[in-house]
Amino acid sequence: LVVHVSRGLVGDGLLPVSRVLRTATAARRVGCLAGPLSAAALADGLPGGGIVGTEFPDVAEGVRNAIGGPTLRLYETEDVTGVEVASAMVGLLALALGFARELGFGPGTLAILMTRGLAEAARVGTALGGEERTFSGIAGFGDLLAASFGDGRPEVALGTALAKGRPLAEAGAATGTHIEGVEIARRVAAFAARRRIETPVSDAIASV
């Protein structure tokens, strides 16, 4: 069983990581874990939840056995692609959130930015074969809500640093982690242009 937590999408076709795992490894029962999860919250036993995208019930059960418990509720869905795309797009939107907040935009502006950003995320996701409803659930709306509440998301910190004028390499190094959103922003914008999907927020992130 292989379960990934990547926010990445591979290549110009935005291939979900689960499909790459099936090609690059011997594993066939694969899944992805997404949602408003953080290592610190898990370690402290704070109440929370996440979602496992997989076509195999034993994969979801394996995740529950590994990290689930009285304070962590893990849901599951067969919409693997939707969960993976939602997670990746939330990474992009969290970056935009940090950038916009540092520029001084207020709650109303940020709310519109996040709402419309999630709508374009759903457009990209359905074009890739995901289900639209997944983006209003834990992997999409729930995860983005946690980022907006200030859960210490590295993407938000990166967006903040970029808005301060720090070079990308320097800003990325300061977060102390690898952020997939930096690499997929341009590819999401290019994919949307080819498919004639309106993605103004992703386009703006790519331009930055």
N, C-alpha and C. Protein backbone atom coordinates (compact mmCIF):
# COMPACT_ATOMS: atom_id res chain seq x y z
N LEU A 1 0.84 -1.19 0.00
CA LEU A 1 0.00 0.00 0.00
C LEU A 1 0.88 1.24 0.00
N VAL A 2 0.56 2.20 -0.85
CA VAL A 2 1.31 3.45 -0.90
C VAL A 2 0.32 4.61 -0.84
N VAL A 3 0.54 5.51 0.11
CA VAL A 3 -0.30 6.70 0.24
C VAL A 3 0.60 7.92 0.26
N HIS A 4 0.33 8.89 -0.60
CA HIS A 4 1.18 10.08 -0.67
C HIS A 4 0.46 11.30 -0.12
N VAL A 5 1.24 12.32 0.23
CA VAL A 5 0.69 13.58 0.74
C VAL A 5 1.18 14.76 -0.11
N SER A 6 1.61 14.48 -1.33
CA SER A 6 2.15 15.54 -2.19
C SER A 6 1.05 16.48 -2.65
N ARG A 7 1.41 17.76 -2.80
CA ARG A 7 0.51 18.74 -3.41
C ARG A 7 0.91 18.98 -4.86
N GLY A 8 1.64 18.06 -5.43
CA GLY A 8 2.14 18.24 -6.78
C GLY A 8 1.24 17.64 -7.85
N LEU A 9 1.40 18.12 -9.06
CA LEU A 9 0.81 17.56 -10.27
C LEU A 9 1.95 17.48 -11.28
N VAL A 10 2.03 16.38 -12.00
CA VAL A 10 3.24 16.07 -12.78
C VAL A 10 3.08 16.43 -14.26
N GLY A 11 4.08 17.14 -14.79
CA GLY A 11 4.15 17.41 -16.22
C GLY A 11 3.14 18.42 -16.71
N ASP A 12 3.19 18.70 -18.01
CA ASP A 12 2.30 19.69 -18.60
C ASP A 12 0.84 19.24 -18.59
N GLY A 13 0.62 17.92 -18.51
CA GLY A 13 -0.74 17.41 -18.47
C GLY A 13 -1.33 17.36 -17.08
N LEU A 14 -0.58 17.83 -16.07
CA LEU A 14 -1.01 17.87 -14.67
C LEU A 14 -1.43 16.48 -14.19
N LEU A 15 -0.57 15.51 -14.40
CA LEU A 15 -0.86 14.13 -14.03
C LEU A 15 -0.86 13.97 -12.51
N PRO A 16 -1.92 13.40 -11.94
CA PRO A 16 -1.95 13.16 -10.50
C PRO A 16 -0.83 12.21 -10.07
N VAL A 17 -0.31 12.43 -8.88
CA VAL A 17 0.83 11.64 -8.39
C VAL A 17 0.49 10.17 -8.25
N SER A 18 -0.76 9.85 -7.91
CA SER A 18 -1.14 8.44 -7.75
C SER A 18 -0.93 7.65 -9.04
N ARG A 19 -1.17 8.29 -10.17
CA ARG A 19 -0.96 7.59 -11.45
C ARG A 19 0.52 7.37 -11.70
N VAL A 20 1.33 8.32 -11.29
CA VAL A 20 2.78 8.16 -11.44
C VAL A 20 3.27 7.02 -10.55
N LEU A 21 2.73 6.93 -9.35
CA LEU A 21 3.12 5.85 -8.43
C LEU A 21 2.82 4.48 -9.02
N ARG A 22 1.70 4.36 -9.71
CA ARG A 22 1.36 3.07 -10.31
C ARG A 22 2.33 2.71 -11.43
N THR A 23 2.86 3.74 -12.09
CA THR A 23 3.80 3.51 -13.19
C THR A 23 5.22 3.30 -12.68
N ALA A 24 5.62 4.07 -11.69
CA ALA A 24 7.02 4.09 -11.26
C ALA A 24 7.33 3.09 -10.15
N THR A 25 6.30 2.50 -9.54
CA THR A 25 6.53 1.54 -8.46
C THR A 25 5.75 0.26 -8.74
N ALA A 26 5.99 -0.73 -7.89
CA ALA A 26 5.26 -1.99 -8.01
C ALA A 26 3.89 -1.92 -7.35
N ALA A 27 3.62 -0.83 -6.64
CA ALA A 27 2.35 -0.69 -5.91
C ALA A 27 1.19 -0.48 -6.87
N ARG A 28 0.08 -1.12 -6.59
CA ARG A 28 -1.14 -0.90 -7.35
C ARG A 28 -2.25 -0.35 -6.47
N ARG A 29 -2.23 -0.67 -5.19
CA ARG A 29 -3.23 -0.12 -4.26
C ARG A 29 -2.65 1.15 -3.67
N VAL A 30 -3.00 2.27 -4.29
CA VAL A 30 -2.43 3.55 -3.89
C VAL A 30 -3.53 4.51 -3.46
N GLY A 31 -3.14 5.57 -2.81
CA GLY A 31 -4.09 6.58 -2.39
C GLY A 31 -3.37 7.87 -2.04
N CYS A 32 -4.13 8.87 -1.66
CA CYS A 32 -3.57 10.15 -1.25
C CYS A 32 -4.29 10.62 0.01
N LEU A 33 -3.55 11.30 0.85
CA LEU A 33 -4.10 11.85 2.09
C LEU A 33 -4.07 13.36 1.98
N ALA A 34 -5.19 14.01 2.25
CA ALA A 34 -5.29 15.46 2.09
C ALA A 34 -6.18 16.04 3.17
N GLY A 35 -6.29 17.37 3.15
CA GLY A 35 -7.12 18.07 4.10
C GLY A 35 -6.32 18.93 5.06
N PRO A 36 -6.99 19.51 6.05
CA PRO A 36 -6.34 20.44 6.99
C PRO A 36 -5.56 19.72 8.07
N LEU A 37 -4.54 18.99 7.67
CA LEU A 37 -3.71 18.23 8.59
C LEU A 37 -2.36 18.91 8.76
N SER A 38 -1.82 18.91 9.97
CA SER A 38 -0.48 19.43 10.19
C SER A 38 0.22 18.51 11.18
N ALA A 39 1.53 18.40 11.02
CA ALA A 39 2.30 17.52 11.90
C ALA A 39 2.17 17.95 13.35
N ALA A 40 2.21 19.26 13.59
CA ALA A 40 2.14 19.77 14.96
C ALA A 40 0.80 19.41 15.62
N ALA A 41 -0.29 19.58 14.87
CA ALA A 41 -1.61 19.27 15.42
C ALA A 41 -1.76 17.78 15.70
N LEU A 42 -1.20 16.96 14.79
CA LEU A 42 -1.25 15.51 15.00
C LEU A 42 -0.47 15.11 16.24
N ALA A 43 0.71 15.70 16.38
CA ALA A 43 1.56 15.37 17.52
C ALA A 43 0.93 15.79 18.84
N ASP A 44 0.19 16.91 18.83
CA ASP A 44 -0.44 17.42 20.05
C ASP A 44 -1.79 16.77 20.34
N GLY A 45 -2.27 15.93 19.38
CA GLY A 45 -3.54 15.27 19.58
C GLY A 45 -4.75 16.17 19.49
N LEU A 46 -4.62 17.29 18.78
CA LEU A 46 -5.74 18.22 18.63
C LEU A 46 -6.82 17.61 17.74
N PRO A 47 -8.09 17.87 18.01
CA PRO A 47 -9.16 17.33 17.17
C PRO A 47 -9.03 17.82 15.73
N GLY A 48 -9.24 16.95 14.79
CA GLY A 48 -9.13 17.33 13.39
C GLY A 48 -9.56 16.19 12.49
N GLY A 49 -9.31 16.36 11.21
CA GLY A 49 -9.71 15.34 10.25
C GLY A 49 -9.01 15.52 8.93
N GLY A 50 -9.16 14.53 8.09
CA GLY A 50 -8.59 14.55 6.76
C GLY A 50 -9.37 13.61 5.88
N ILE A 51 -8.93 13.47 4.65
CA ILE A 51 -9.63 12.59 3.72
C ILE A 51 -8.62 11.78 2.92
N VAL A 52 -8.94 10.52 2.72
CA VAL A 52 -8.11 9.61 1.94
C VAL A 52 -8.82 9.36 0.60
N GLY A 53 -8.14 9.69 -0.47
CA GLY A 53 -8.65 9.40 -1.80
C GLY A 53 -8.07 8.09 -2.28
N THR A 54 -8.90 7.10 -2.50
CA THR A 54 -8.42 5.79 -2.95
C THR A 54 -9.58 4.96 -3.48
N GLU A 55 -9.28 4.05 -4.37
CA GLU A 55 -10.28 3.13 -4.88
C GLU A 55 -10.32 1.84 -4.07
N PHE A 56 -9.45 1.74 -3.06
CA PHE A 56 -9.31 0.51 -2.31
C PHE A 56 -9.61 0.75 -0.83
N PRO A 57 -10.68 0.15 -0.30
CA PRO A 57 -11.04 0.34 1.11
C PRO A 57 -9.92 -0.01 2.08
N ASP A 58 -9.09 -1.02 1.73
CA ASP A 58 -8.03 -1.41 2.66
C ASP A 58 -6.94 -0.35 2.76
N VAL A 59 -6.81 0.49 1.73
CA VAL A 59 -5.85 1.59 1.80
C VAL A 59 -6.33 2.63 2.81
N ALA A 60 -7.60 3.00 2.72
CA ALA A 60 -8.16 3.96 3.69
C ALA A 60 -8.09 3.40 5.10
N GLU A 61 -8.37 2.11 5.25
CA GLU A 61 -8.30 1.49 6.57
C GLU A 61 -6.87 1.48 7.09
N GLY A 62 -5.91 1.28 6.20
CA GLY A 62 -4.51 1.30 6.59
C GLY A 62 -4.10 2.66 7.14
N VAL A 63 -4.59 3.74 6.53
CA VAL A 63 -4.28 5.08 7.03
C VAL A 63 -4.92 5.30 8.39
N ARG A 64 -6.17 4.85 8.53
CA ARG A 64 -6.84 4.99 9.83
C ARG A 64 -6.07 4.25 10.93
N ASN A 65 -5.60 3.07 10.60
CA ASN A 65 -4.86 2.29 11.59
C ASN A 65 -3.52 2.95 11.94
N ALA A 66 -2.95 3.66 10.97
CA ALA A 66 -1.62 4.27 11.17
C ALA A 66 -1.69 5.56 11.98
N ILE A 67 -2.64 6.43 11.67
CA ILE A 67 -2.66 7.75 12.33
C ILE A 67 -4.01 8.15 12.89
N GLY A 68 -5.06 7.37 12.62
CA GLY A 68 -6.38 7.72 13.11
C GLY A 68 -6.50 7.51 14.60
N GLY A 69 -7.58 8.01 15.18
CA GLY A 69 -7.79 7.85 16.61
C GLY A 69 -8.98 8.66 17.06
N PRO A 70 -9.19 8.74 18.38
CA PRO A 70 -10.36 9.45 18.92
C PRO A 70 -10.43 10.92 18.52
N THR A 71 -9.27 11.54 18.27
CA THR A 71 -9.28 12.97 17.94
C THR A 71 -9.03 13.24 16.46
N LEU A 72 -8.85 12.21 15.66
CA LEU A 72 -8.59 12.41 14.23
C LEU A 72 -9.54 11.55 13.40
N ARG A 73 -10.49 12.20 12.75
CA ARG A 73 -11.47 11.51 11.91
C ARG A 73 -10.98 11.52 10.46
N LEU A 74 -10.86 10.34 9.87
CA LEU A 74 -10.39 10.22 8.49
C LEU A 74 -11.53 9.71 7.61
N TYR A 75 -11.94 10.54 6.66
CA TYR A 75 -12.98 10.18 5.72
C TYR A 75 -12.33 9.55 4.49
N GLU A 76 -13.12 9.03 3.59
CA GLU A 76 -12.57 8.46 2.37
C GLU A 76 -13.48 8.73 1.18
N THR A 77 -12.89 8.73 0.00
CA THR A 77 -13.62 8.92 -1.25
C THR A 77 -12.89 8.19 -2.37
N GLU A 78 -13.65 7.75 -3.35
CA GLU A 78 -13.04 7.10 -4.51
C GLU A 78 -12.58 8.12 -5.55
N ASP A 79 -12.89 9.40 -5.33
CA ASP A 79 -12.48 10.44 -6.26
C ASP A 79 -11.02 10.83 -5.99
N VAL A 80 -10.12 9.94 -6.37
CA VAL A 80 -8.69 10.16 -6.11
C VAL A 80 -8.20 11.41 -6.83
N THR A 81 -8.54 11.54 -8.09
CA THR A 81 -8.09 12.69 -8.87
C THR A 81 -8.58 14.00 -8.27
N GLY A 82 -9.84 14.04 -7.87
CA GLY A 82 -10.39 15.25 -7.28
C GLY A 82 -9.64 15.66 -6.02
N VAL A 83 -9.33 14.69 -5.17
CA VAL A 83 -8.60 14.99 -3.94
C VAL A 83 -7.21 15.51 -4.26
N GLU A 84 -6.52 14.89 -5.21
CA GLU A 84 -5.16 15.30 -5.54
C GLU A 84 -5.12 16.69 -6.17
N VAL A 85 -6.04 16.96 -7.08
CA VAL A 85 -6.06 18.27 -7.72
C VAL A 85 -6.48 19.34 -6.71
N ALA A 86 -7.46 19.04 -5.88
CA ALA A 86 -7.89 20.00 -4.86
C ALA A 86 -6.74 20.35 -3.94
N SER A 87 -6.00 19.35 -3.49
CA SER A 87 -4.87 19.59 -2.59
C SER A 87 -3.81 20.46 -3.26
N ALA A 88 -3.52 20.17 -4.52
CA ALA A 88 -2.52 20.95 -5.25
C ALA A 88 -2.97 22.39 -5.45
N MET A 89 -4.23 22.57 -5.80
CA MET A 89 -4.73 23.91 -6.06
C MET A 89 -4.86 24.72 -4.76
N VAL A 90 -5.16 24.07 -3.65
CA VAL A 90 -5.19 24.77 -2.37
C VAL A 90 -3.79 25.30 -2.05
N GLY A 91 -2.76 24.52 -2.43
CA GLY A 91 -1.40 25.01 -2.24
C GLY A 91 -1.15 26.32 -2.99
N LEU A 92 -1.65 26.39 -4.21
CA LEU A 92 -1.52 27.62 -5.00
C LEU A 92 -2.29 28.77 -4.34
N LEU A 93 -3.51 28.48 -3.91
CA LEU A 93 -4.35 29.53 -3.33
C LEU A 93 -3.81 30.01 -1.99
N ALA A 94 -3.19 29.11 -1.22
CA ALA A 94 -2.58 29.53 0.03
C ALA A 94 -1.42 30.49 -0.23
N LEU A 95 -0.69 30.25 -1.30
CA LEU A 95 0.39 31.16 -1.70
C LEU A 95 -0.20 32.53 -2.04
N ALA A 96 -1.30 32.52 -2.80
CA ALA A 96 -1.96 33.77 -3.17
C ALA A 96 -2.49 34.49 -1.93
N LEU A 97 -2.99 33.73 -0.96
CA LEU A 97 -3.50 34.30 0.28
C LEU A 97 -2.41 35.07 1.03
N GLY A 98 -1.24 34.43 1.16
CA GLY A 98 -0.13 35.10 1.84
C GLY A 98 0.30 36.36 1.12
N PHE A 99 0.35 36.30 -0.20
CA PHE A 99 0.75 37.44 -1.02
C PHE A 99 -0.23 38.60 -0.85
N ALA A 100 -1.53 38.28 -0.98
CA ALA A 100 -2.55 39.32 -0.92
C ALA A 100 -2.66 39.94 0.48
N ARG A 101 -2.55 39.10 1.49
CA ARG A 101 -2.63 39.60 2.86
C ARG A 101 -1.48 40.56 3.16
N GLU A 102 -0.29 40.23 2.68
CA GLU A 102 0.87 41.09 2.91
C GLU A 102 0.72 42.42 2.18
N LEU A 103 0.01 42.42 1.07
CA LEU A 103 -0.22 43.66 0.34
C LEU A 103 -1.23 44.56 1.05
N GLY A 104 -1.90 44.03 2.06
CA GLY A 104 -2.82 44.84 2.84
C GLY A 104 -4.29 44.66 2.50
N PHE A 105 -4.62 43.66 1.69
CA PHE A 105 -6.03 43.43 1.36
C PHE A 105 -6.79 42.95 2.60
N GLY A 106 -8.03 43.41 2.73
CA GLY A 106 -8.85 43.08 3.89
C GLY A 106 -9.60 41.78 3.74
N PRO A 107 -10.37 41.42 4.78
CA PRO A 107 -11.09 40.14 4.79
C PRO A 107 -12.04 39.95 3.61
N GLY A 108 -12.74 41.01 3.22
CA GLY A 108 -13.67 40.88 2.10
C GLY A 108 -12.97 40.53 0.81
N THR A 109 -11.88 41.22 0.53
CA THR A 109 -11.11 40.95 -0.68
C THR A 109 -10.54 39.54 -0.65
N LEU A 110 -9.99 39.15 0.49
CA LEU A 110 -9.41 37.82 0.63
C LEU A 110 -10.47 36.74 0.46
N ALA A 111 -11.68 36.99 0.97
CA ALA A 111 -12.77 36.03 0.84
C ALA A 111 -13.14 35.82 -0.63
N ILE A 112 -13.21 36.91 -1.38
CA ILE A 112 -13.51 36.81 -2.81
C ILE A 112 -12.39 36.07 -3.53
N LEU A 113 -11.15 36.41 -3.21
CA LEU A 113 -10.00 35.75 -3.82
C LEU A 113 -10.05 34.24 -3.61
N MET A 114 -10.32 33.82 -2.37
CA MET A 114 -10.34 32.40 -2.05
C MET A 114 -11.55 31.70 -2.67
N THR A 115 -12.71 32.35 -2.63
CA THR A 115 -13.93 31.75 -3.18
C THR A 115 -13.81 31.53 -4.69
N ARG A 116 -13.36 32.58 -5.38
CA ARG A 116 -13.23 32.46 -6.84
C ARG A 116 -12.05 31.55 -7.20
N GLY A 117 -11.03 31.56 -6.38
CA GLY A 117 -9.91 30.66 -6.63
C GLY A 117 -10.32 29.21 -6.52
N LEU A 118 -11.16 28.90 -5.54
CA LEU A 118 -11.62 27.53 -5.38
C LEU A 118 -12.55 27.13 -6.53
N ALA A 119 -13.29 28.08 -7.05
CA ALA A 119 -14.15 27.80 -8.21
C ALA A 119 -13.31 27.44 -9.43
N GLU A 120 -12.21 28.14 -9.64
CA GLU A 120 -11.36 27.79 -10.79
C GLU A 120 -10.62 26.49 -10.54
N ALA A 121 -10.31 26.21 -9.28
CA ALA A 121 -9.70 24.92 -8.96
C ALA A 121 -10.63 23.78 -9.36
N ALA A 122 -11.92 23.95 -9.10
CA ALA A 122 -12.90 22.94 -9.47
C ALA A 122 -12.99 22.79 -11.00
N ARG A 123 -12.86 23.89 -11.72
CA ARG A 123 -12.90 23.81 -13.18
C ARG A 123 -11.70 23.00 -13.70
N VAL A 124 -10.54 23.26 -13.14
CA VAL A 124 -9.36 22.50 -13.55
C VAL A 124 -9.53 21.03 -13.16
N GLY A 125 -10.03 20.79 -11.96
CA GLY A 125 -10.18 19.42 -11.48
C GLY A 125 -11.15 18.60 -12.29
N THR A 126 -12.28 19.18 -12.66
CA THR A 126 -13.25 18.43 -13.46
C THR A 126 -12.71 18.18 -14.87
N ALA A 127 -11.90 19.10 -15.38
CA ALA A 127 -11.28 18.88 -16.69
C ALA A 127 -10.32 17.70 -16.67
N LEU A 128 -9.76 17.43 -15.49
CA LEU A 128 -8.83 16.31 -15.33
C LEU A 128 -9.52 15.02 -14.92
N GLY A 129 -10.84 15.08 -14.72
CA GLY A 129 -11.58 13.87 -14.39
C GLY A 129 -12.05 13.78 -12.96
N GLY A 130 -11.84 14.82 -12.16
CA GLY A 130 -12.29 14.83 -10.78
C GLY A 130 -13.75 15.24 -10.67
N GLU A 131 -14.33 15.06 -9.48
CA GLU A 131 -15.71 15.43 -9.23
C GLU A 131 -15.78 16.82 -8.60
N GLU A 132 -16.69 17.63 -9.09
CA GLU A 132 -16.79 19.02 -8.62
C GLU A 132 -17.04 19.11 -7.12
N ARG A 133 -17.85 18.20 -6.58
CA ARG A 133 -18.21 18.28 -5.16
C ARG A 133 -17.01 18.08 -4.24
N THR A 134 -15.98 17.40 -4.72
CA THR A 134 -14.79 17.18 -3.89
C THR A 134 -14.15 18.50 -3.48
N PHE A 135 -14.26 19.52 -4.32
CA PHE A 135 -13.61 20.80 -4.06
C PHE A 135 -14.32 21.61 -2.99
N SER A 136 -15.56 21.27 -2.68
CA SER A 136 -16.28 21.95 -1.61
C SER A 136 -16.18 21.17 -0.30
N GLY A 137 -15.42 20.09 -0.30
CA GLY A 137 -15.27 19.25 0.88
C GLY A 137 -13.95 19.48 1.60
N ILE A 138 -13.51 18.45 2.32
CA ILE A 138 -12.33 18.55 3.18
C ILE A 138 -11.06 18.84 2.38
N ALA A 139 -10.91 18.19 1.23
CA ALA A 139 -9.68 18.36 0.44
C ALA A 139 -9.56 19.74 -0.18
N GLY A 140 -10.69 20.41 -0.39
CA GLY A 140 -10.69 21.73 -1.01
C GLY A 140 -11.01 22.82 -0.02
N PHE A 141 -12.31 23.05 0.19
CA PHE A 141 -12.75 24.14 1.07
C PHE A 141 -12.20 24.01 2.49
N GLY A 142 -12.26 22.80 3.05
CA GLY A 142 -11.79 22.61 4.42
C GLY A 142 -10.32 22.92 4.57
N ASP A 143 -9.52 22.46 3.62
CA ASP A 143 -8.08 22.70 3.67
C ASP A 143 -7.76 24.18 3.50
N LEU A 144 -8.46 24.83 2.57
CA LEU A 144 -8.23 26.26 2.34
C LEU A 144 -8.66 27.09 3.54
N LEU A 145 -9.73 26.67 4.20
CA LEU A 145 -10.20 27.38 5.39
C LEU A 145 -9.14 27.35 6.48
N ALA A 146 -8.51 26.20 6.66
CA ALA A 146 -7.46 26.09 7.67
C ALA A 146 -6.29 27.02 7.35
N ALA A 147 -5.94 27.11 6.07
CA ALA A 147 -4.86 28.01 5.67
C ALA A 147 -5.22 29.46 5.96
N SER A 148 -6.47 29.84 5.71
CA SER A 148 -6.89 31.23 5.93
C SER A 148 -6.98 31.56 7.42
N PHE A 149 -7.22 30.53 8.25
CA PHE A 149 -7.27 30.75 9.70
C PHE A 149 -5.88 30.90 10.30
N GLY A 150 -4.84 30.55 9.53
CA GLY A 150 -3.48 30.71 10.01
C GLY A 150 -2.92 29.47 10.68
N ASP A 151 -2.86 28.37 9.93
CA ASP A 151 -2.36 27.12 10.50
C ASP A 151 -0.85 26.92 10.29
N GLY A 152 -0.16 28.01 9.95
CA GLY A 152 1.28 27.92 9.75
C GLY A 152 1.68 27.31 8.42
N ARG A 153 0.83 27.43 7.43
CA ARG A 153 1.06 26.84 6.12
C ARG A 153 2.29 27.45 5.44
N PRO A 154 3.25 26.65 5.00
CA PRO A 154 4.45 27.21 4.36
C PRO A 154 4.15 27.97 3.08
N GLU A 155 3.09 27.59 2.37
CA GLU A 155 2.73 28.31 1.15
C GLU A 155 2.34 29.75 1.46
N VAL A 156 1.64 29.94 2.58
CA VAL A 156 1.26 31.30 2.99
C VAL A 156 2.52 32.11 3.30
N ALA A 157 3.47 31.49 3.99
CA ALA A 157 4.72 32.16 4.33
C ALA A 157 5.49 32.53 3.07
N LEU A 158 5.47 31.65 2.07
CA LEU A 158 6.15 31.95 0.81
C LEU A 158 5.49 33.13 0.10
N GLY A 159 4.17 33.14 0.05
CA GLY A 159 3.46 34.25 -0.58
C GLY A 159 3.75 35.56 0.11
N THR A 160 3.82 35.52 1.43
CA THR A 160 4.14 36.72 2.21
C THR A 160 5.54 37.23 1.87
N ALA A 161 6.51 36.33 1.79
CA ALA A 161 7.88 36.71 1.48
C ALA A 161 7.99 37.29 0.07
N LEU A 162 7.27 36.71 -0.87
CA LEU A 162 7.31 37.22 -2.25
C LEU A 162 6.70 38.62 -2.33
N ALA A 163 5.63 38.84 -1.57
CA ALA A 163 5.00 40.17 -1.57
C ALA A 163 5.92 41.22 -0.97
N LYS A 164 6.85 40.80 -0.13
CA LYS A 164 7.83 41.71 0.44
C LYS A 164 8.98 41.99 -0.51
N GLY A 165 8.96 41.33 -1.67
CA GLY A 165 9.98 41.58 -2.67
C GLY A 165 11.19 40.68 -2.60
N ARG A 166 11.11 39.64 -1.77
CA ARG A 166 12.25 38.72 -1.67
C ARG A 166 12.32 37.84 -2.90
N PRO A 167 13.51 37.55 -3.43
CA PRO A 167 13.65 36.67 -4.60
C PRO A 167 13.06 35.29 -4.29
N LEU A 168 12.58 34.62 -5.34
CA LEU A 168 11.91 33.33 -5.16
C LEU A 168 12.80 32.31 -4.45
N ALA A 169 14.04 32.20 -4.88
CA ALA A 169 14.94 31.20 -4.28
C ALA A 169 15.14 31.47 -2.80
N GLU A 170 15.32 32.74 -2.45
CA GLU A 170 15.53 33.12 -1.06
C GLU A 170 14.28 32.90 -0.24
N ALA A 171 13.14 33.28 -0.80
CA ALA A 171 11.87 33.12 -0.09
C ALA A 171 11.55 31.65 0.12
N GLY A 172 11.82 30.84 -0.90
CA GLY A 172 11.55 29.41 -0.78
C GLY A 172 12.43 28.75 0.25
N ALA A 173 13.69 29.12 0.29
CA ALA A 173 14.62 28.54 1.26
C ALA A 173 14.21 28.89 2.69
N ALA A 174 13.64 30.08 2.87
CA ALA A 174 13.28 30.55 4.20
C ALA A 174 12.12 29.74 4.79
N THR A 175 11.30 29.11 3.94
CA THR A 175 10.18 28.32 4.46
C THR A 175 10.65 27.00 5.05
N GLY A 176 11.83 26.55 4.65
CA GLY A 176 12.38 25.32 5.20
C GLY A 176 11.75 24.05 4.66
N THR A 177 11.00 24.15 3.58
CA THR A 177 10.37 22.97 3.02
C THR A 177 10.21 23.14 1.51
N HIS A 178 9.92 22.03 0.82
CA HIS A 178 9.70 22.08 -0.63
C HIS A 178 8.23 22.40 -0.88
N ILE A 179 7.97 23.42 -1.69
CA ILE A 179 6.60 23.84 -1.98
C ILE A 179 6.29 23.57 -3.45
N GLU A 180 5.40 22.61 -3.68
CA GLU A 180 5.10 22.20 -5.05
C GLU A 180 4.42 23.31 -5.86
N GLY A 181 3.70 24.20 -5.19
CA GLY A 181 2.94 25.23 -5.89
C GLY A 181 3.80 26.12 -6.76
N VAL A 182 5.05 26.32 -6.35
CA VAL A 182 5.96 27.14 -7.15
C VAL A 182 6.17 26.52 -8.53
N GLU A 183 6.25 25.20 -8.55
CA GLU A 183 6.55 24.51 -9.81
C GLU A 183 5.33 24.32 -10.70
N ILE A 184 4.14 24.23 -10.11
CA ILE A 184 2.98 23.92 -10.93
C ILE A 184 2.17 25.14 -11.34
N ALA A 185 2.48 26.31 -10.79
CA ALA A 185 1.67 27.49 -11.11
C ALA A 185 1.63 27.75 -12.62
N ARG A 186 2.80 27.78 -13.24
CA ARG A 186 2.84 28.07 -14.68
C ARG A 186 2.18 26.94 -15.48
N ARG A 187 2.36 25.70 -15.00
CA ARG A 187 1.79 24.57 -15.74
C ARG A 187 0.27 24.55 -15.64
N VAL A 188 -0.27 24.94 -14.50
CA VAL A 188 -1.73 25.05 -14.36
C VAL A 188 -2.26 26.14 -15.29
N ALA A 189 -1.59 27.28 -15.32
CA ALA A 189 -2.02 28.37 -16.19
C ALA A 189 -1.95 27.96 -17.66
N ALA A 190 -0.89 27.26 -18.05
CA ALA A 190 -0.74 26.83 -19.44
C ALA A 190 -1.79 25.78 -19.80
N PHE A 191 -2.03 24.85 -18.90
CA PHE A 191 -3.05 23.83 -19.12
C PHE A 191 -4.42 24.47 -19.31
N ALA A 192 -4.74 25.43 -18.45
CA ALA A 192 -6.03 26.12 -18.53
C ALA A 192 -6.17 26.87 -19.85
N ALA A 193 -5.08 27.49 -20.29
CA ALA A 193 -5.14 28.22 -21.56
C ALA A 193 -5.40 27.26 -22.72
N ARG A 194 -4.75 26.09 -22.70
CA ARG A 194 -4.96 25.11 -23.77
C ARG A 194 -6.39 24.59 -23.78
N ARG A 195 -6.96 24.43 -22.58
CA ARG A 195 -8.31 23.87 -22.48
C ARG A 195 -9.39 24.96 -22.44
N ARG A 196 -8.96 26.20 -22.56
CA ARG A 196 -9.86 27.35 -22.53
C ARG A 196 -10.68 27.40 -21.24
N ILE A 197 -9.97 27.20 -20.13
CA ILE A 197 -10.56 27.29 -18.81
C ILE A 197 -10.12 28.61 -18.18
N GLU A 198 -11.05 29.31 -17.59
CA GLU A 198 -10.74 30.62 -16.99
C GLU A 198 -10.12 30.42 -15.61
N THR A 199 -8.85 30.84 -15.46
CA THR A 199 -8.15 30.67 -14.18
C THR A 199 -7.35 31.94 -13.85
N PRO A 200 -8.02 33.04 -13.57
CA PRO A 200 -7.31 34.31 -13.33
C PRO A 200 -6.40 34.28 -12.10
N VAL A 201 -6.80 33.57 -11.05
CA VAL A 201 -5.96 33.53 -9.84
C VAL A 201 -4.68 32.75 -10.11
N SER A 202 -4.80 31.59 -10.72
CA SER A 202 -3.62 30.80 -11.06
C SER A 202 -2.72 31.55 -12.04
N ASP A 203 -3.33 32.27 -12.98
CA ASP A 203 -2.55 33.07 -13.93
C ASP A 203 -1.74 34.13 -13.19
N ALA A 204 -2.36 34.76 -12.21
CA ALA A 204 -1.67 35.81 -11.45
C ALA A 204 -0.50 35.24 -10.66
N ILE A 205 -0.70 34.06 -10.05
CA ILE A 205 0.38 33.42 -9.30
C ILE A 205 1.54 33.09 -10.24
N ALA A 206 1.21 32.58 -11.41
CA ALA A 206 2.23 32.24 -12.40
C ALA A 206 3.01 33.48 -12.81
N SER A 207 2.30 34.60 -12.97
CA SER A 207 2.97 35.85 -13.36
C SER A 207 3.94 36.31 -12.27
N VAL A 208 3.53 36.19 -11.01
CA VAL A 208 4.40 36.55 -9.90
C VAL A 208 5.65 35.68 -9.90
